[in-house]
PDB file of all heavy atoms in Angstrom:
ATOM      1  N   ALA A   1    -146.569-169.333 -94.292  1.00  0.00           N
ATOM      2  CA  ALA A   1    -146.792-168.180 -95.168  1.00  0.00           C
ATOM      3  C   ALA A   1    -147.054-166.923 -94.340  1.00  0.00           C
ATOM      4  O   ALA A   1    -146.661-165.820 -94.722  1.00  0.00           O
ATOM      5  CB  ALA A   1    -147.969-168.457 -96.096  1.00  0.00           C
ATOM      6  N   ALA A   2    -147.710-167.087 -93.192  1.00  0.00           N
ATOM      7  CA  ALA A   2    -147.997-165.938 -92.327  1.00  0.00           C
ATOM      8  C   ALA A   2    -146.717-165.245 -91.886  1.00  0.00           C
ATOM      9  O   ALA A   2    -146.642-164.009 -91.845  1.00  0.00           O
ATOM     10  CB  ALA A   2    -148.803-166.391 -91.111  1.00  0.00           C
ATOM     11  N   ASP A   3    -145.694-166.029 -91.543  1.00  0.00           N
ATOM     12  CA  ASP A   3    -144.435-165.437 -91.090  1.00  0.00           C
ATOM     13  C   ASP A   3    -143.711-164.729 -92.234  1.00  0.00           C
ATOM     14  O   ASP A   3    -143.116-163.659 -92.039  1.00  0.00           O
ATOM     15  CB  ASP A   3    -143.520-166.524 -90.515  1.00  0.00           C
ATOM     16  CG  ASP A   3    -144.045-167.086 -89.198  1.00  0.00           C
ATOM     17  OD1 ASP A   3    -145.167-166.715 -88.795  1.00  0.00           O
ATOM     18  OD2 ASP A   3    -143.335-167.903 -88.584  1.00  0.00           O
ATOM     19  N   GLU A   4    -143.771-165.324 -93.422  1.00  0.00           N
ATOM     20  CA  GLU A   4    -143.113-164.698 -94.573  1.00  0.00           C
ATOM     21  C   GLU A   4    -143.768-163.366 -94.908  1.00  0.00           C
ATOM     22  O   GLU A   4    -143.079-162.371 -95.181  1.00  0.00           O
ATOM     23  CB  GLU A   4    -143.146-165.637 -95.778  1.00  0.00           C
ATOM     24  CG  GLU A   4    -142.243-166.846 -95.619  1.00  0.00           C
ATOM     25  CD  GLU A   4    -142.186-167.699 -96.879  1.00  0.00           C
ATOM     26  OE1 GLU A   4    -142.911-167.368 -97.855  1.00  0.00           O
ATOM     27  OE2 GLU A   4    -141.432-168.681 -96.890  1.00  0.00           O
ATOM     28  N   LEU A   5    -145.107-163.330 -94.898  1.00  0.00           N
ATOM     29  CA  LEU A   5    -145.787-162.073 -95.202  1.00  0.00           C
ATOM     30  C   LEU A   5    -145.520-161.041 -94.112  1.00  0.00           C
ATOM     31  O   LEU A   5    -145.306-159.859 -94.411  1.00  0.00           O
ATOM     32  CB  LEU A   5    -147.292-162.296 -95.358  1.00  0.00           C
ATOM     33  CG  LEU A   5    -148.092-161.034 -95.712  1.00  0.00           C
ATOM     34  CD1 LEU A   5    -147.655-160.472 -97.070  1.00  0.00           C
ATOM     35  CD2 LEU A   5    -149.590-161.312 -95.716  1.00  0.00           C
ATOM     36  N   ALA A   6    -145.529-161.459 -92.854  1.00  0.00           N
ATOM     37  CA  ALA A   6    -145.257-160.520 -91.762  1.00  0.00           C
ATOM     38  C   ALA A   6    -143.871-159.897 -91.930  1.00  0.00           C
ATOM     39  O   ALA A   6    -143.699-158.687 -91.739  1.00  0.00           O
ATOM     40  CB  ALA A   6    -145.369-161.227 -90.417  1.00  0.00           C
ATOM     41  N   GLU A   7    -142.888-160.693 -92.299  1.00  0.00           N
ATOM     42  CA  GLU A   7    -141.549-160.155 -92.518  1.00  0.00           C
ATOM     43  C   GLU A   7    -141.543-159.170 -93.686  1.00  0.00           C
ATOM     44  O   GLU A   7    -140.901-158.111 -93.623  1.00  0.00           O
ATOM     45  CB  GLU A   7    -140.559-161.292 -92.792  1.00  0.00           C
ATOM     46  CG  GLU A   7    -139.132-160.801 -93.007  1.00  0.00           C
ATOM     47  CD  GLU A   7    -138.160-161.923 -93.315  1.00  0.00           C
ATOM     48  OE1 GLU A   7    -138.498-163.102 -93.083  1.00  0.00           O
ATOM     49  OE2 GLU A   7    -137.052-161.614 -93.795  1.00  0.00           O
ATOM     50  N   ALA A   8    -142.261-159.515 -94.767  1.00  0.00           N
ATOM     51  CA  ALA A   8    -142.312-158.621 -95.925  1.00  0.00           C
ATOM     52  C   ALA A   8    -143.014-157.310 -95.581  1.00  0.00           C
ATOM     53  O   ALA A   8    -142.612-156.233 -96.040  1.00  0.00           O
ATOM     54  CB  ALA A   8    -143.032-159.318 -97.082  1.00  0.00           C
ATOM     55  N   VAL A   9    -144.059-157.381 -94.766  1.00  0.00           N
ATOM     56  CA  VAL A   9    -144.777-156.170 -94.375  1.00  0.00           C
ATOM     57  C   VAL A   9    -143.895-155.286 -93.501  1.00  0.00           C
ATOM     58  O   VAL A   9    -143.855-154.057 -93.664  1.00  0.00           O
ATOM     59  CB  VAL A   9    -146.093-156.541 -93.658  1.00  0.00           C
ATOM     60  CG1 VAL A   9    -146.680-155.341 -92.919  1.00  0.00           C
ATOM     61  CG2 VAL A   9    -147.108-157.076 -94.665  1.00  0.00           C
ATOM     62  N   VAL A  10    -143.174-155.884 -92.571  1.00  0.00           N
ATOM     63  CA  VAL A  10    -142.251-155.101 -91.736  1.00  0.00           C
ATOM     64  C   VAL A  10    -141.183-154.445 -92.604  1.00  0.00           C
ATOM     65  O   VAL A  10    -140.837-153.266 -92.415  1.00  0.00           O
ATOM     66  CB  VAL A  10    -141.622-155.993 -90.648  1.00  0.00           C
ATOM     67  CG1 VAL A  10    -140.434-155.291 -89.984  1.00  0.00           C
ATOM     68  CG2 VAL A  10    -142.660-156.344 -89.599  1.00  0.00           C
ATOM     69  N   ALA A  11    -140.653-155.184 -93.575  1.00  0.00           N
ATOM     70  CA  ALA A  11    -139.644-154.609 -94.471  1.00  0.00           C
ATOM     71  C   ALA A  11    -140.222-153.442 -95.265  1.00  0.00           C
ATOM     72  O   ALA A  11    -139.565-152.410 -95.446  1.00  0.00           O
ATOM     73  CB  ALA A  11    -139.109-155.684 -95.417  1.00  0.00           C
ATOM     74  N   ALA A  12    -141.472-153.580 -95.744  1.00  0.00           N
ATOM     75  CA  ALA A  12    -142.112-152.493 -96.487  1.00  0.00           C
ATOM     76  C   ALA A  12    -142.322-151.276 -95.598  1.00  0.00           C
ATOM     77  O   ALA A  12    -142.125-150.130 -96.017  1.00  0.00           O
ATOM     78  CB  ALA A  12    -143.443-152.972 -97.060  1.00  0.00           C
ATOM     79  N   ALA A  13    -142.719-151.507 -94.347  1.00  0.00           N
ATOM     80  CA  ALA A  13    -142.915-150.391 -93.414  1.00  0.00           C
ATOM     81  C   ALA A  13    -141.601-149.676 -93.127  1.00  0.00           C
ATOM     82  O   ALA A  13    -141.557-148.434 -93.055  1.00  0.00           O
ATOM     83  CB  ALA A  13    -143.529-150.906 -92.113  1.00  0.00           C
ATOM     84  N   ARG A  14    -140.534-150.433 -92.984  1.00  0.00           N
ATOM     85  CA  ARG A  14    -139.224-149.808 -92.739  1.00  0.00           C
ATOM     86  C   ARG A  14    -138.845-148.860 -93.866  1.00  0.00           C
ATOM     87  O   ARG A  14    -138.240-147.809 -93.637  1.00  0.00           O
ATOM     88  CB  ARG A  14    -138.153-150.894 -92.584  1.00  0.00           C
ATOM     89  CG  ARG A  14    -138.263-151.714 -91.323  1.00  0.00           C
ATOM     90  CD  ARG A  14    -137.281-152.869 -91.335  1.00  0.00           C
ATOM     91  NE  ARG A  14    -135.903-152.398 -91.477  1.00  0.00           N
ATOM     92  CZ  ARG A  14    -134.861-153.204 -91.679  1.00  0.00           C
ATOM     93  NH1 ARG A  14    -135.039-154.514 -91.807  1.00  0.00           N
ATOM     94  NH2 ARG A  14    -133.648-152.704 -91.787  1.00  0.00           N
ATOM     95  N   ARG A  15    -139.209-149.202 -95.102  1.00  0.00           N
ATOM     96  CA  ARG A  15    -138.857-148.363 -96.259  1.00  0.00           C
ATOM     97  C   ARG A  15    -139.812-147.188 -96.449  1.00  0.00           C
ATOM     98  O   ARG A  15    -139.534-146.302 -97.269  1.00  0.00           O
ATOM     99  CB  ARG A  15    -138.877-149.211 -97.538  1.00  0.00           C
ATOM    100  CG  ARG A  15    -137.837-150.315 -97.574  1.00  0.00           C
ATOM    101  CD  ARG A  15    -137.755-150.929 -98.971  1.00  0.00           C
ATOM    102  NE  ARG A  15    -139.018-151.537 -99.387  1.00  0.00           N
ATOM    103  CZ  ARG A  15    -139.347-152.809 -99.186  1.00  0.00           C
ATOM    104  NH1 ARG A  15    -138.526-153.606 -98.534  1.00  0.00           N
ATOM    105  NH2 ARG A  15    -140.504-153.290 -99.620  1.00  0.00           N
ATOM    106  N   SER A  16    -140.935-147.175 -95.743  1.00  0.00           N
ATOM    107  CA  SER A  16    -142.010-146.211 -96.011  1.00  0.00           C
ATOM    108  C   SER A  16    -141.751-144.889 -95.292  1.00  0.00           C
ATOM    109  O   SER A  16    -142.264-144.663 -94.189  1.00  0.00           O
ATOM    110  CB  SER A  16    -143.369-146.786 -95.592  1.00  0.00           C
ATOM    111  OG  SER A  16    -143.710-147.882 -96.384  1.00  0.00           O
ATOM    112  N   THR A  17    -141.001-144.022 -95.931  1.00  0.00           N
ATOM    113  CA  THR A  17    -140.774-142.713 -95.314  1.00  0.00           C
ATOM    114  C   THR A  17    -142.048-141.877 -95.289  1.00  0.00           C
ATOM    115  O   THR A  17    -142.164-140.960 -94.467  1.00  0.00           O
ATOM    116  CB  THR A  17    -139.666-141.950 -96.063  1.00  0.00           C
ATOM    117  OG1 THR A  17    -139.993-141.881 -97.458  1.00  0.00           O
ATOM    118  CG2 THR A  17    -138.327-142.658 -95.896  1.00  0.00           C
ATOM    119  N   GLU A  18    -143.016-142.153 -96.170  1.00  0.00           N
ATOM    120  CA  GLU A  18    -144.360-141.577 -96.046  1.00  0.00           C
ATOM    121  C   GLU A  18    -145.096-142.407 -94.994  1.00  0.00           C
ATOM    122  O   GLU A  18    -145.748-143.400 -95.297  1.00  0.00           O
ATOM    123  CB  GLU A  18    -145.113-141.640 -97.386  1.00  0.00           C
ATOM    124  CG  GLU A  18    -144.752-140.565 -98.364  1.00  0.00           C
ATOM    125  CD  GLU A  18    -145.672-140.595 -99.580  1.00  0.00           C
ATOM    126  OE1 GLU A  18    -145.747-141.643-100.238  1.00  0.00           O
ATOM    127  OE2 GLU A  18    -146.299-139.567 -99.867  1.00  0.00           O
ATOM    128  N   GLU A  19    -144.981-141.994 -93.745  1.00  0.00           N
ATOM    129  CA  GLU A  19    -145.369-142.874 -92.650  1.00  0.00           C
ATOM    130  C   GLU A  19    -146.871-143.051 -92.501  1.00  0.00           C
ATOM    131  O   GLU A  19    -147.311-143.961 -91.794  1.00  0.00           O
ATOM    132  CB  GLU A  19    -144.733-142.369 -91.351  1.00  0.00           C
ATOM    133  CG  GLU A  19    -143.215-142.552 -91.382  1.00  0.00           C
ATOM    134  CD  GLU A  19    -142.516-142.059 -90.136  1.00  0.00           C
ATOM    135  OE1 GLU A  19    -143.146-141.317 -89.344  1.00  0.00           O
ATOM    136  OE2 GLU A  19    -141.332-142.410 -89.957  1.00  0.00           O
ATOM    137  N   ARG A  20    -147.674-142.246 -93.175  1.00  0.00           N
ATOM    138  CA  ARG A  20    -149.116-142.449 -93.133  1.00  0.00           C
ATOM    139  C   ARG A  20    -149.502-143.780 -93.771  1.00  0.00           C
ATOM    140  O   ARG A  20    -150.560-144.338 -93.464  1.00  0.00           O
ATOM    141  CB  ARG A  20    -149.823-141.299 -93.859  1.00  0.00           C
ATOM    142  CG  ARG A  20    -149.669-139.953 -93.185  1.00  0.00           C
ATOM    143  CD  ARG A  20    -150.181-138.829 -94.031  1.00  0.00           C
ATOM    144  NE  ARG A  20    -149.362-138.602 -95.215  1.00  0.00           N
ATOM    145  CZ  ARG A  20    -149.534-137.599 -96.071  1.00  0.00           C
ATOM    146  NH1 ARG A  20    -150.498-136.718 -95.854  1.00  0.00           N
ATOM    147  NH2 ARG A  20    -148.760-137.463 -97.126  1.00  0.00           N
ATOM    148  N   ARG A  21    -148.637-144.296 -94.636  1.00  0.00           N
ATOM    149  CA  ARG A  21    -148.909-145.567 -95.303  1.00  0.00           C
ATOM    150  C   ARG A  21    -148.803-146.756 -94.350  1.00  0.00           C
ATOM    151  O   ARG A  21    -149.364-147.827 -94.607  1.00  0.00           O
ATOM    152  CB  ARG A  21    -147.900-145.773 -96.432  1.00  0.00           C
ATOM    153  CG  ARG A  21    -147.901-144.715 -97.488  1.00  0.00           C
ATOM    154  CD  ARG A  21    -146.550-144.646 -98.221  1.00  0.00           C
ATOM    155  NE  ARG A  21    -146.124-145.949 -98.675  1.00  0.00           N
ATOM    156  CZ  ARG A  21    -146.466-146.468 -99.858  1.00  0.00           C
ATOM    157  NH1 ARG A  21    -147.234-145.773-100.678  1.00  0.00           N
ATOM    158  NH2 ARG A  21    -146.045-147.641-100.216  1.00  0.00           N
ATOM    159  N   VAL A  22    -148.055-146.586 -93.263  1.00  0.00           N
ATOM    160  CA  VAL A  22    -147.736-147.713 -92.379  1.00  0.00           C
ATOM    161  C   VAL A  22    -149.002-148.333 -91.789  1.00  0.00           C
ATOM    162  O   VAL A  22    -149.109-149.553 -91.644  1.00  0.00           O
ATOM    163  CB  VAL A  22    -146.760-147.258 -91.274  1.00  0.00           C
ATOM    164  CG1 VAL A  22    -146.592-148.339 -90.206  1.00  0.00           C
ATOM    165  CG2 VAL A  22    -145.409-146.899 -91.892  1.00  0.00           C
ATOM    166  N   ARG A  23    -149.984-147.493 -91.454  1.00  0.00           N
ATOM    167  CA  ARG A  23    -151.249-148.006 -90.912  1.00  0.00           C
ATOM    168  C   ARG A  23    -151.853-149.045 -91.863  1.00  0.00           C
ATOM    169  O   ARG A  23    -152.263-150.137 -91.434  1.00  0.00           O
ATOM    170  CB  ARG A  23    -152.233-146.843 -90.728  1.00  0.00           C
ATOM    171  CG  ARG A  23    -153.626-147.294 -90.280  1.00  0.00           C
ATOM    172  CD  ARG A  23    -154.591-146.120 -90.294  1.00  0.00           C
ATOM    173  NE  ARG A  23    -154.181-145.069 -89.413  1.00  0.00           N
ATOM    174  CZ  ARG A  23    -154.502-144.989 -88.128  1.00  0.00           C
ATOM    175  NH1 ARG A  23    -155.257-145.939 -87.587  1.00  0.00           N
ATOM    176  NH2 ARG A  23    -154.083-143.987 -87.386  1.00  0.00           N
ATOM    177  N   HIS A  24    -151.896-148.737 -93.128  1.00  0.00           N
ATOM    178  CA  HIS A  24    -152.583-149.615 -94.074  1.00  0.00           C
ATOM    179  C   HIS A  24    -151.746-150.836 -94.433  1.00  0.00           C
ATOM    180  O   HIS A  24    -152.312-151.872 -94.811  1.00  0.00           O
ATOM    181  CB  HIS A  24    -153.010-148.805 -95.297  1.00  0.00           C
ATOM    182  CG  HIS A  24    -154.079-147.812 -94.953  1.00  0.00           C
ATOM    183  ND1 HIS A  24    -155.410-148.141 -94.936  1.00  0.00           N
ATOM    184  CD2 HIS A  24    -154.002-146.519 -94.537  1.00  0.00           C
ATOM    185  CE1 HIS A  24    -156.121-147.091 -94.545  1.00  0.00           C
ATOM    186  NE2 HIS A  24    -155.290-146.102 -94.303  1.00  0.00           N
ATOM    187  N   LEU A  25    -150.434-150.760 -94.280  1.00  0.00           N
ATOM    188  CA  LEU A  25    -149.617-151.960 -94.423  1.00  0.00           C
ATOM    189  C   LEU A  25    -149.927-152.938 -93.297  1.00  0.00           C
ATOM    190  O   LEU A  25    -150.021-154.154 -93.513  1.00  0.00           O
ATOM    191  CB  LEU A  25    -148.134-151.595 -94.425  1.00  0.00           C
ATOM    192  CG  LEU A  25    -147.640-150.780 -95.618  1.00  0.00           C
ATOM    193  CD1 LEU A  25    -146.187-150.354 -95.404  1.00  0.00           C
ATOM    194  CD2 LEU A  25    -147.768-151.575 -96.911  1.00  0.00           C
ATOM    195  N   GLY A  26    -150.109-152.415 -92.089  1.00  0.00           N
ATOM    196  CA  GLY A  26    -150.511-153.278 -90.983  1.00  0.00           C
ATOM    197  C   GLY A  26    -151.881-153.877 -91.196  1.00  0.00           C
ATOM    198  O   GLY A  26    -152.119-155.057 -90.897  1.00  0.00           O
ATOM    199  N   TYR A  27    -152.787-153.080 -91.742  1.00  0.00           N
ATOM    200  CA  TYR A  27    -154.125-153.592 -92.032  1.00  0.00           C
ATOM    201  C   TYR A  27    -154.065-154.725 -93.054  1.00  0.00           C
ATOM    202  O   TYR A  27    -154.828-155.693 -92.967  1.00  0.00           O
ATOM    203  CB  TYR A  27    -155.017-152.472 -92.578  1.00  0.00           C
ATOM    204  CG  TYR A  27    -155.441-151.429 -91.564  1.00  0.00           C
ATOM    205  CD1 TYR A  27    -156.222-150.350 -91.944  1.00  0.00           C
ATOM    206  CD2 TYR A  27    -155.072-151.511 -90.215  1.00  0.00           C
ATOM    207  CE1 TYR A  27    -156.632-149.389 -91.029  1.00  0.00           C
ATOM    208  CE2 TYR A  27    -155.468-150.547 -89.297  1.00  0.00           C
ATOM    209  CZ  TYR A  27    -156.257-149.491 -89.708  1.00  0.00           C
ATOM    210  OH  TYR A  27    -156.656-148.542 -88.813  1.00  0.00           O
ATOM    211  N   LEU A  28    -153.175-154.597 -94.042  1.00  0.00           N
ATOM    212  CA  LEU A  28    -153.023-155.665 -95.034  1.00  0.00           C
ATOM    213  C   LEU A  28    -152.653-156.979 -94.355  1.00  0.00           C
ATOM    214  O   LEU A  28    -153.218-158.032 -94.667  1.00  0.00           O
ATOM    215  CB  LEU A  28    -151.961-155.273 -96.064  1.00  0.00           C
ATOM    216  CG  LEU A  28    -151.652-156.301 -97.168  1.00  0.00           C
ATOM    217  CD1 LEU A  28    -151.276-155.600 -98.474  1.00  0.00           C
ATOM    218  CD2 LEU A  28    -150.524-157.250 -96.763  1.00  0.00           C
ATOM    219  N   LEU A  29    -151.729-156.926 -93.418  1.00  0.00           N
ATOM    220  CA  LEU A  29    -151.298-158.147 -92.743  1.00  0.00           C
ATOM    221  C   LEU A  29    -152.465-158.801 -92.005  1.00  0.00           C
ATOM    222  O   LEU A  29    -152.655-160.025 -92.076  1.00  0.00           O
ATOM    223  CB  LEU A  29    -150.168-157.804 -91.762  1.00  0.00           C
ATOM    224  CG  LEU A  29    -149.509-158.971 -91.030  1.00  0.00           C
ATOM    225  CD1 LEU A  29    -148.964-159.998 -92.008  1.00  0.00           C
ATOM    226  CD2 LEU A  29    -148.395-158.438 -90.134  1.00  0.00           C
ATOM    227  N   ALA A  30    -153.271-157.993 -91.326  1.00  0.00           N
ATOM    228  CA  ALA A  30    -154.422-158.541 -90.608  1.00  0.00           C
ATOM    229  C   ALA A  30    -155.504-159.038 -91.561  1.00  0.00           C
ATOM    230  O   ALA A  30    -156.119-160.087 -91.329  1.00  0.00           O
ATOM    231  CB  ALA A  30    -154.991-157.477 -89.670  1.00  0.00           C
ATOM    232  N   GLU A  31    -155.755-158.294 -92.637  1.00  0.00           N
ATOM    233  CA  GLU A  31    -156.804-158.668 -93.590  1.00  0.00           C
ATOM    234  C   GLU A  31    -156.476-159.994 -94.269  1.00  0.00           C
ATOM    235  O   GLU A  31    -157.359-160.863 -94.426  1.00  0.00           O
ATOM    236  CB  GLU A  31    -156.981-157.570 -94.634  1.00  0.00           C
ATOM    237  CG  GLU A  31    -158.007-157.842 -95.707  1.00  0.00           C
ATOM    238  CD  GLU A  31    -159.436-157.927 -95.199  1.00  0.00           C
ATOM    239  OE1 GLU A  31    -159.745-157.293 -94.171  1.00  0.00           O
ATOM    240  OE2 GLU A  31    -160.248-158.635 -95.830  1.00  0.00           O
ATOM    241  N   VAL A  32    -155.240-160.178 -94.683  1.00  0.00           N
ATOM    242  CA  VAL A  32    -154.863-161.438 -95.331  1.00  0.00           C
ATOM    243  C   VAL A  32    -155.018-162.594 -94.354  1.00  0.00           C
ATOM    244  O   VAL A  32    -155.367-163.712 -94.750  1.00  0.00           O
ATOM    245  CB  VAL A  32    -153.438-161.349 -95.889  1.00  0.00           C
ATOM    246  CG1 VAL A  32    -152.980-162.704 -96.428  1.00  0.00           C
ATOM    247  CG2 VAL A  32    -153.360-160.313 -97.005  1.00  0.00           C
ATOM    248  N   GLY A  33    -154.792-162.332 -93.071  1.00  0.00           N
ATOM    249  CA  GLY A  33    -154.900-163.380 -92.061  1.00  0.00           C
ATOM    250  C   GLY A  33    -156.301-163.930 -91.884  1.00  0.00           C
ATOM    251  O   GLY A  33    -156.469-164.985 -91.247  1.00  0.00           O
ATOM    252  N   VAL A  34    -157.316-163.258 -92.436  1.00  0.00           N
ATOM    253  CA  VAL A  34    -158.701-163.767 -92.360  1.00  0.00           C
ATOM    254  C   VAL A  34    -159.290-164.002 -93.752  1.00  0.00           C
ATOM    255  O   VAL A  34    -160.496-164.177 -93.891  1.00  0.00           O
ATOM    256  CB  VAL A  34    -159.605-162.794 -91.566  1.00  0.00           C
ATOM    257  CG1 VAL A  34    -159.122-162.649 -90.133  1.00  0.00           C
ATOM    258  CG2 VAL A  34    -159.701-161.425 -92.240  1.00  0.00           C
ATOM    259  N   SER A  35    -158.433-164.022 -94.769  1.00  0.00           N
ATOM    260  CA  SER A  35    -158.913-164.096 -96.156  1.00  0.00           C
ATOM    261  C   SER A  35    -158.354-165.333 -96.856  1.00  0.00           C
ATOM    262  O   SER A  35    -157.302-165.268 -97.506  1.00  0.00           O
ATOM    263  CB  SER A  35    -158.492-162.836 -96.925  1.00  0.00           C
ATOM    264  OG  SER A  35    -159.025-161.680 -96.315  1.00  0.00           O
ATOM    265  N   PRO A  36    -159.034-166.486 -96.757  1.00  0.00           N
ATOM    266  CA  PRO A  36    -158.509-167.710 -97.368  1.00  0.00           C
ATOM    267  C   PRO A  36    -158.462-167.685 -98.887  1.00  0.00           C
ATOM    268  O   PRO A  36    -157.831-168.559 -99.491  1.00  0.00           O
ATOM    269  CB  PRO A  36    -159.467-168.795 -96.857  1.00  0.00           C
ATOM    270  CG  PRO A  36    -160.705-168.076 -96.456  1.00  0.00           C
ATOM    271  CD  PRO A  36    -160.275-166.731 -95.995  1.00  0.00           C
ATOM    272  N   ASP A  37    -159.109-166.698 -99.523  1.00  0.00           N
ATOM    273  CA  ASP A  37    -159.043-166.611-100.974  1.00  0.00           C
ATOM    274  C   ASP A  37    -157.788-165.889-101.460  1.00  0.00           C
ATOM    275  O   ASP A  37    -157.583-165.730-102.668  1.00  0.00           O
ATOM    276  CB  ASP A  37    -160.287-165.909-101.537  1.00  0.00           C
ATOM    277  CG  ASP A  37    -160.467-164.496-100.995  1.00  0.00           C
ATOM    278  OD1 ASP A  37    -159.988-164.202 -99.881  1.00  0.00           O
ATOM    279  OD2 ASP A  37    -161.094-163.668-101.692  1.00  0.00           O
ATOM    280  N   VAL A  38    -156.929-165.456-100.537  1.00  0.00           N
ATOM    281  CA  VAL A  38    -155.703-164.739-100.896  1.00  0.00           C
ATOM    282  C   VAL A  38    -154.505-165.638-100.604  1.00  0.00           C
ATOM    283  O   VAL A  38    -154.210-165.947 -99.448  1.00  0.00           O
ATOM    284  CB  VAL A  38    -155.582-163.415-100.100  1.00  0.00           C
ATOM    285  CG1 VAL A  38    -154.287-162.698-100.454  1.00  0.00           C
ATOM    286  CG2 VAL A  38    -156.786-162.514-100.372  1.00  0.00           C
ATOM    287  N   ASP A  39    -153.824-166.084-101.662  1.00  0.00           N
ATOM    288  CA  ASP A  39    -152.657-166.933-101.468  1.00  0.00           C
ATOM    289  C   ASP A  39    -151.404-166.070-101.289  1.00  0.00           C
ATOM    290  O   ASP A  39    -151.451-164.843-101.445  1.00  0.00           O
ATOM    291  CB  ASP A  39    -152.505-167.931-102.619  1.00  0.00           C
ATOM    292  CG  ASP A  39    -152.245-167.267-103.972  1.00  0.00           C
ATOM    293  OD1 ASP A  39    -151.810-166.096-104.016  1.00  0.00           O
ATOM    294  OD2 ASP A  39    -152.471-167.933-105.003  1.00  0.00           O
ATOM    295  N   PRO A  40    -150.267-166.668-100.920  1.00  0.00           N
ATOM    296  CA  PRO A  40    -149.060-165.867-100.672  1.00  0.00           C
ATOM    297  C   PRO A  40    -148.643-165.011-101.856  1.00  0.00           C
ATOM    298  O   PRO A  40    -148.201-163.870-101.686  1.00  0.00           O
ATOM    299  CB  PRO A  40    -147.999-166.927-100.342  1.00  0.00           C
ATOM    300  CG  PRO A  40    -148.771-168.090 -99.817  1.00  0.00           C
ATOM    301  CD  PRO A  40    -150.051-168.101-100.591  1.00  0.00           C
ATOM    302  N   GLU A  41    -148.770-165.564-103.073  1.00  0.00           N
ATOM    303  CA  GLU A  41    -148.353-164.804-104.247  1.00  0.00           C
ATOM    304  C   GLU A  41    -149.248-163.580-104.463  1.00  0.00           C
ATOM    305  O   GLU A  41    -148.765-162.502-104.822  1.00  0.00           O
ATOM    306  CB  GLU A  41    -148.381-165.705-105.484  1.00  0.00           C
ATOM    307  CG  GLU A  41    -147.260-166.733-105.531  1.00  0.00           C
ATOM    308  CD  GLU A  41    -147.482-167.893-104.563  1.00  0.00           C
ATOM    309  OE1 GLU A  41    -148.620-168.080-104.090  1.00  0.00           O
ATOM    310  OE2 GLU A  41    -146.491-168.596-104.261  1.00  0.00           O
ATOM    311  N   LEU A  42    -150.549-163.738-104.234  1.00  0.00           N
ATOM    312  CA  LEU A  42    -151.460-162.617-104.403  1.00  0.00           C
ATOM    313  C   LEU A  42    -151.216-161.551-103.337  1.00  0.00           C
ATOM    314  O   LEU A  42    -151.234-160.351-103.628  1.00  0.00           O
ATOM    315  CB  LEU A  42    -152.910-163.107-104.347  1.00  0.00           C
ATOM    316  CG  LEU A  42    -153.983-162.095-104.739  1.00  0.00           C
ATOM    317  CD1 LEU A  42    -153.793-161.634-106.184  1.00  0.00           C
ATOM    318  CD2 LEU A  42    -155.373-162.695-104.561  1.00  0.00           C
TER     319      LEU A  42
END
């Protein structure tokens, strides 16, 4: 699931022409990586 989310986050960053958002997309990837209460669908 970690690899699938990482790919989805990279794809979202590629589309983010408002580049200030990219920082927080990266934070999402790291935050989910330490949050066992968050499943792939969430």
